[in-house]
Protein backbone atom coordinates (compact mmCIF):
# COMPACT_ATOMS: atom_id res chain seq x y z
CA MET A 1 -47.44 6.47 -62.17
CA ALA A 2 -49.55 5.73 -65.26
CA MET A 3 -48.00 4.59 -68.36
CA SER A 4 -49.39 4.34 -71.88
CA GLY A 5 -48.65 1.67 -74.20
CA GLY A 6 -49.20 3.48 -77.47
CA LYS A 7 -51.75 3.15 -80.14
CA GLU A 8 -53.21 -0.17 -81.45
CA ASP A 9 -52.58 0.93 -85.06
CA GLY A 10 -48.82 0.37 -84.48
CA ALA A 11 -47.71 3.88 -84.72
CA PRO A 12 -44.83 4.96 -82.21
CA MET A 13 -45.73 6.55 -78.95
CA MET A 14 -45.23 10.36 -79.22
CA GLU A 15 -45.22 11.07 -75.55
CA MET A 16 -41.98 11.10 -73.31
CA ASN A 17 -41.88 8.72 -70.45
CA THR A 18 -41.28 11.06 -67.52
CA THR A 19 -41.23 8.47 -64.75
CA PRO A 20 -37.40 8.03 -64.93
CA LEU A 21 -36.94 11.74 -65.05
CA ILE A 22 -39.04 12.34 -61.78
CA ASP A 23 -37.37 9.47 -60.09
CA VAL A 24 -33.85 10.91 -60.82
CA MET A 25 -34.98 14.48 -59.74
CA LEU A 26 -36.39 13.05 -56.55
CA CYS A 27 -33.04 11.24 -55.69
CA LEU A 28 -31.02 14.35 -56.41
CA LEU A 29 -33.28 16.44 -54.11
CA ILE A 30 -32.93 13.87 -51.34
CA MET A 31 -29.04 14.00 -51.91
CA PHE A 32 -28.88 17.70 -51.85
CA ILE A 33 -31.10 17.94 -48.55
CA MET A 34 -28.82 15.25 -46.88
CA SER A 35 -25.64 17.16 -47.89
CA ILE A 36 -26.70 20.60 -46.38
CA PRO A 37 -24.87 21.19 -43.09
CA VAL A 38 -26.84 21.66 -39.67
CA ALA A 39 -26.74 25.24 -38.88
CA THR A 40 -25.69 25.78 -35.48
CA HIS A 41 -25.29 28.96 -33.54
CA ALA A 42 -23.90 27.71 -30.33
CA ILE A 43 -21.05 28.83 -27.95
CA ASN A 44 -19.45 26.08 -26.34
CA ILE A 45 -18.46 26.77 -22.67
CA ASP A 46 -16.59 24.24 -20.41
CA LEU A 47 -18.62 24.47 -17.25
CA PRO A 48 -16.94 23.23 -14.13
CA VAL A 49 -17.37 19.79 -12.80
CA ASN A 50 -17.96 19.12 -9.07
CA SER A 51 -14.78 17.81 -7.69
CA GLN A 52 -15.94 17.52 -4.35
CA THR A 53 -16.72 13.99 -2.71
CA PRO A 54 -19.81 13.96 -0.63
CA ASN A 55 -17.78 13.70 2.89
CA ASP A 56 -15.83 16.89 2.32
CA PRO A 57 -17.13 19.79 4.15
CA PRO A 58 -18.10 22.68 1.71
CA PRO A 59 -15.52 25.23 1.22
CA VAL A 60 -15.67 28.72 2.68
CA ASP A 61 -17.67 31.02 0.28
CA PRO A 62 -15.50 32.88 -2.08
CA ILE A 63 -16.00 36.43 -3.09
CA ARG A 64 -18.70 36.55 -5.71
CA ASN A 65 -18.50 38.88 -8.79
CA LYS A 66 -21.34 39.51 -10.84
CA VAL A 67 -21.15 40.37 -14.59
CA VAL A 68 -24.58 42.01 -15.72
CA LEU A 69 -25.53 42.83 -19.27
CA THR A 70 -27.86 45.73 -19.77
CA VAL A 71 -30.41 46.72 -22.42
CA ASN A 72 -28.11 49.71 -23.19
CA ASP A 73 -25.15 47.34 -24.22
CA GLU A 74 -23.29 48.13 -21.03
CA ILE A 75 -21.27 45.63 -19.23
CA LEU A 76 -21.38 45.87 -15.27
CA TRP A 77 -18.93 44.30 -12.97
CA ASN A 78 -20.47 44.48 -9.62
CA GLY A 79 -22.52 47.37 -10.68
CA THR A 80 -19.72 49.45 -12.22
CA PRO A 81 -19.70 49.72 -15.93
CA VAL A 82 -16.61 48.36 -17.75
CA ASP A 83 -15.56 47.76 -21.38
CA GLY A 84 -14.27 44.47 -22.90
CA PRO A 85 -10.61 44.88 -22.12
CA GLY A 86 -11.44 46.02 -18.68
CA LEU A 87 -13.50 43.06 -18.06
CA LEU A 88 -10.58 40.77 -19.24
CA ASN A 89 -8.27 42.85 -16.97
CA LEU A 90 -10.66 42.24 -13.92
CA LEU A 91 -11.05 38.51 -14.81
CA GLN A 92 -7.40 38.09 -14.75
CA GLN A 93 -7.13 39.96 -11.45
CA SER A 94 -9.53 37.70 -9.79
CA LEU A 95 -7.46 34.72 -10.83
CA GLN A 96 -4.68 35.80 -8.81
CA TYR A 97 -6.51 35.16 -5.44
CA GLU A 98 -5.61 32.11 -3.59
CA VAL A 99 -9.28 31.07 -3.88
CA GLU A 100 -10.73 31.78 -7.17
CA PRO A 101 -13.91 33.92 -6.62
CA GLU A 102 -17.01 32.72 -8.15
CA LEU A 103 -18.23 34.66 -11.33
CA GLN A 104 -21.90 35.15 -11.98
CA PHE A 105 -23.25 35.99 -15.20
CA GLN A 106 -26.56 37.53 -15.51
CA PRO A 107 -27.83 39.37 -18.77
CA GLU A 108 -31.23 41.53 -18.59
CA PRO A 109 -33.95 39.93 -20.29
CA ASN A 110 -33.60 42.27 -23.54
CA ALA A 111 -29.92 42.38 -23.57
CA SER A 112 -28.11 42.08 -27.05
CA TYR A 113 -27.39 38.57 -27.93
CA GLU A 114 -24.25 39.75 -29.71
CA LEU A 115 -22.85 41.43 -26.38
CA SER A 116 -23.71 38.19 -24.46
CA ALA A 117 -21.72 36.15 -27.03
CA ASN A 118 -18.86 38.52 -27.04
CA VAL A 119 -18.76 38.63 -23.14
CA LEU A 120 -19.04 34.89 -22.83
CA GLN A 121 -16.03 34.59 -25.40
CA ILE A 122 -13.94 36.91 -23.17
CA ILE A 123 -14.90 34.94 -19.96
CA LYS A 124 -13.99 31.60 -21.76
CA GLY A 125 -10.56 32.96 -22.85
CA SER A 126 -9.77 34.16 -19.36
CA ASN A 127 -9.87 30.67 -18.06
CA VAL A 128 -12.26 31.33 -15.36
CA SER A 129 -13.18 27.92 -13.68
CA LYS A 130 -16.04 29.02 -11.15
CA PHE A 131 -18.54 30.39 -13.62
CA GLY A 132 -22.39 30.20 -13.30
CA PHE A 133 -25.49 31.58 -14.74
CA VAL A 134 -27.69 33.31 -12.42
CA GLY A 135 -31.23 34.84 -12.71
CA ASN A 136 -32.58 32.02 -15.24
CA GLU A 137 -35.88 32.00 -13.18
CA GLN A 138 -36.75 35.18 -14.71
CA PHE A 139 -37.27 33.41 -18.11
CA ALA A 140 -39.20 30.49 -16.81
CA GLU A 141 -42.15 31.63 -18.86
CA PHE A 142 -41.55 32.62 -22.38
CA GLY A 143 -42.92 36.00 -23.52
CA LYS A 144 -43.03 37.90 -20.07
């Protein structure tokens, strides 16, 4: 930044030197930017890990249950409408089987994000371990 040295007649300089002020302001701005927490809107879901060894034969297909979320904020369990507590009850019943059934989750393209988040929280809280997302290929191209 440019700086003036005053006049040659010996008069004091009447202009304020703003260079240190600007430097301090830039340092404060950088410190404020660095201290802002990163906004994350994530739902952490523990997905199951593959516990089979390659030599084991694949297990018999268990019963598959499908949870579909509609545009009209409905939760469908195998095509039948249920509410949140009913879904939790069905999930707890499915855990009573000797072989836990697979749970498939498929929201419709314009289903509510809030409903999806709530249903995923219910599923996570029920301790279902065989869980999968299906129908993701319909979202392969954004904007369709």
